[in-house]
Amino acid sequence: MRKKAEELYLATDEFGRNFGTSIIPLLAVADGDLDWNQMRDMQIANPPKRDYGGAETMEMLTRIYFSSAEPDLKKVFAARDELNVLQRAFKEAYQQDDHRDPRWRKVLAGAAMDVERAIQALKAKVVGLSGEHIH
């Protein structure tokens, strides 16, 4: 079980790092430092790493081995989904040249922080669960 907890932690950490890498260019668009095509080029040039399985592995390990962490996993996915909704709205605003409102940066950054907090909470839960399986 400890090995499975370690795998879940690594998958969650990878998911978090990939998330952080993908959100930085989006915030640069909101700041006016990049245009949408430049952001997409950056994302394509830096595809997510999949060494530990990312979201699919997080979900599988949680559901099979660590059901007590499922509420934490659901919070990660809910926060990610909320950010995706905001990102789509921002893209629509961008396409209509209505994206220069500085509130976009604040809203997107806030949603990104919600995802980051949820990821950190899941990692903390996994650490606690791994401690239960040491004995």
Protein backbone atom coordinates (compact mmCIF):
# COMPACT_ATOMS: atom_id res chain seq x y z
CA MET A 1 0.00 0.00 0.00
CA ARG A 2 2.87 2.35 0.72
CA LYS A 3 4.16 1.88 -2.84
CA LYS A 4 0.70 2.71 -4.19
CA ALA A 5 0.62 5.84 -2.02
CA GLU A 6 3.99 6.85 -3.44
CA GLU A 7 2.69 6.30 -6.98
CA LEU A 8 -0.38 8.42 -6.21
CA TYR A 9 1.78 11.17 -4.76
CA LEU A 10 4.04 11.20 -7.83
CA ALA A 11 1.07 11.25 -10.22
CA THR A 12 -0.49 14.12 -8.25
CA ASP A 13 2.77 16.03 -8.17
CA GLU A 14 3.19 15.54 -11.92
CA PHE A 15 -0.38 16.73 -12.50
CA GLY A 16 0.38 19.83 -10.44
CA ARG A 17 3.61 20.62 -12.27
CA ASN A 18 1.91 20.17 -15.64
CA PHE A 19 -0.93 22.37 -14.52
CA GLY A 20 1.47 25.10 -13.43
CA THR A 21 3.34 24.94 -16.71
CA SER A 22 0.12 25.29 -18.68
CA ILE A 23 -1.35 28.16 -16.66
CA ILE A 24 1.66 30.50 -16.85
CA PRO A 25 1.22 31.26 -20.58
CA LEU A 26 -2.53 31.80 -20.08
CA LEU A 27 -1.83 34.40 -17.42
CA ALA A 28 0.70 36.01 -19.75
CA VAL A 29 -2.09 36.39 -22.31
CA ALA A 30 -4.30 37.95 -19.63
CA ASP A 31 -1.43 40.34 -18.83
CA GLY A 32 -1.09 41.25 -22.51
CA ASP A 33 2.46 39.85 -22.72
CA LEU A 34 1.51 37.08 -25.18
CA ASP A 35 -1.19 36.66 -27.78
CA TRP A 36 -3.33 33.53 -27.97
CA ASN A 37 -1.26 31.94 -30.75
CA GLN A 38 1.98 32.50 -28.86
CA MET A 39 0.44 30.82 -25.81
CA ARG A 40 -0.64 27.82 -27.89
CA ASP A 41 2.83 27.61 -29.46
CA MET A 42 4.37 27.53 -25.97
CA GLN A 43 1.96 24.83 -24.84
CA ILE A 44 2.67 22.74 -27.93
CA ALA A 45 6.43 23.18 -27.50
CA ASN A 46 6.17 22.05 -23.85
CA PRO A 47 3.73 19.12 -23.78
CA PRO A 48 2.72 17.73 -20.40
CA LYS A 49 5.07 15.13 -18.97
CA ARG A 50 3.44 11.76 -18.47
CA ASP A 51 6.08 9.87 -16.50
CA TYR A 52 3.69 9.03 -13.63
CA GLY A 53 0.34 8.89 -15.40
CA GLY A 54 -1.17 12.21 -14.38
CA ALA A 55 -4.90 12.50 -13.86
CA GLU A 56 -5.80 8.98 -15.00
CA THR A 57 -3.37 7.39 -12.56
CA MET A 58 -4.49 9.72 -9.77
CA GLU A 59 -8.08 8.66 -10.30
CA MET A 60 -7.32 4.95 -10.63
CA LEU A 61 -5.11 4.75 -7.54
CA THR A 62 -7.48 6.81 -5.46
CA ARG A 63 -10.55 4.79 -6.38
CA ILE A 64 -8.90 1.39 -6.04
CA TYR A 65 -6.61 1.89 -3.04
CA PHE A 66 -7.40 5.15 -1.25
CA SER A 67 -11.13 5.78 -1.31
CA SER A 68 -10.80 8.07 1.72
CA ALA A 69 -8.91 10.50 -0.55
CA GLU A 70 -11.68 10.54 -3.16
CA PRO A 71 -13.27 13.77 -1.83
CA ASP A 72 -9.85 15.46 -2.16
CA LEU A 73 -9.46 14.16 -5.71
CA LYS A 74 -12.94 15.42 -6.58
CA LYS A 75 -11.95 18.87 -5.32
CA VAL A 76 -8.94 18.86 -7.64
CA PHE A 77 -11.07 17.94 -10.63
CA ALA A 78 -13.84 20.39 -9.70
CA ALA A 79 -11.34 23.25 -9.39
CA ARG A 80 -9.74 22.26 -12.69
CA ASP A 81 -13.16 22.14 -14.36
CA GLU A 82 -14.02 25.59 -13.03
CA LEU A 83 -10.77 26.97 -14.40
CA ASN A 84 -11.54 25.34 -17.76
CA VAL A 85 -14.91 27.11 -17.85
CA LEU A 86 -13.20 30.43 -17.12
CA GLN A 87 -10.52 29.74 -19.71
CA ARG A 88 -13.20 29.12 -22.37
CA ALA A 89 -14.94 32.37 -21.40
CA PHE A 90 -11.62 34.21 -21.56
CA LYS A 91 -10.94 32.72 -25.01
CA GLU A 92 -14.32 33.97 -26.23
CA ALA A 93 -13.58 37.42 -24.80
CA TYR A 94 -10.15 37.31 -26.43
CA GLN A 95 -11.62 36.42 -29.81
CA GLN A 96 -13.98 39.40 -29.53
CA ASP A 97 -11.11 41.64 -28.41
CA ASP A 98 -12.79 42.07 -25.03
CA HIS A 99 -10.03 40.46 -22.96
CA ARG A 100 -8.10 43.51 -21.82
CA ASP A 101 -10.17 43.93 -18.68
CA PRO A 102 -7.68 43.47 -15.79
CA ARG A 103 -10.31 41.49 -13.89
CA TRP A 104 -9.59 38.54 -16.19
CA ARG A 105 -6.10 38.20 -14.73
CA LYS A 106 -7.44 38.24 -11.21
CA VAL A 107 -10.22 35.75 -11.91
CA LEU A 108 -7.96 33.34 -13.80
CA ALA A 109 -5.18 33.57 -11.21
CA GLY A 110 -7.68 32.99 -8.40
CA ALA A 111 -9.08 29.91 -10.12
CA ALA A 112 -5.54 28.65 -10.74
CA MET A 113 -4.76 29.07 -7.03
CA ASP A 114 -7.88 27.05 -6.19
CA VAL A 115 -6.54 24.22 -8.34
CA GLU A 116 -3.11 24.49 -6.73
CA ARG A 117 -4.59 24.44 -3.22
CA ALA A 118 -6.67 21.37 -4.08
CA ILE A 119 -3.59 19.60 -5.46
CA GLN A 120 -1.60 20.41 -2.32
CA ALA A 121 -4.46 19.15 -0.13
CA LEU A 122 -4.58 15.87 -2.05
CA LYS A 123 -0.82 15.47 -1.72
CA ALA A 124 -1.06 16.10 2.03
CA LYS A 125 -3.83 13.51 2.28
CA VAL A 126 -1.68 10.98 0.42
CA VAL A 127 1.25 11.64 2.75
CA GLY A 128 -1.05 11.00 5.72
CA LEU A 129 -2.36 7.81 4.15
CA SER A 130 1.14 6.56 3.41
CA GLY A 131 2.02 7.04 7.08
CA GLU A 132 -0.89 4.79 8.04
CA HIS A 133 0.62 2.00 5.96
CA ILE A 134 4.18 2.12 7.28
CA HIS A 135 3.54 -0.23 10.18
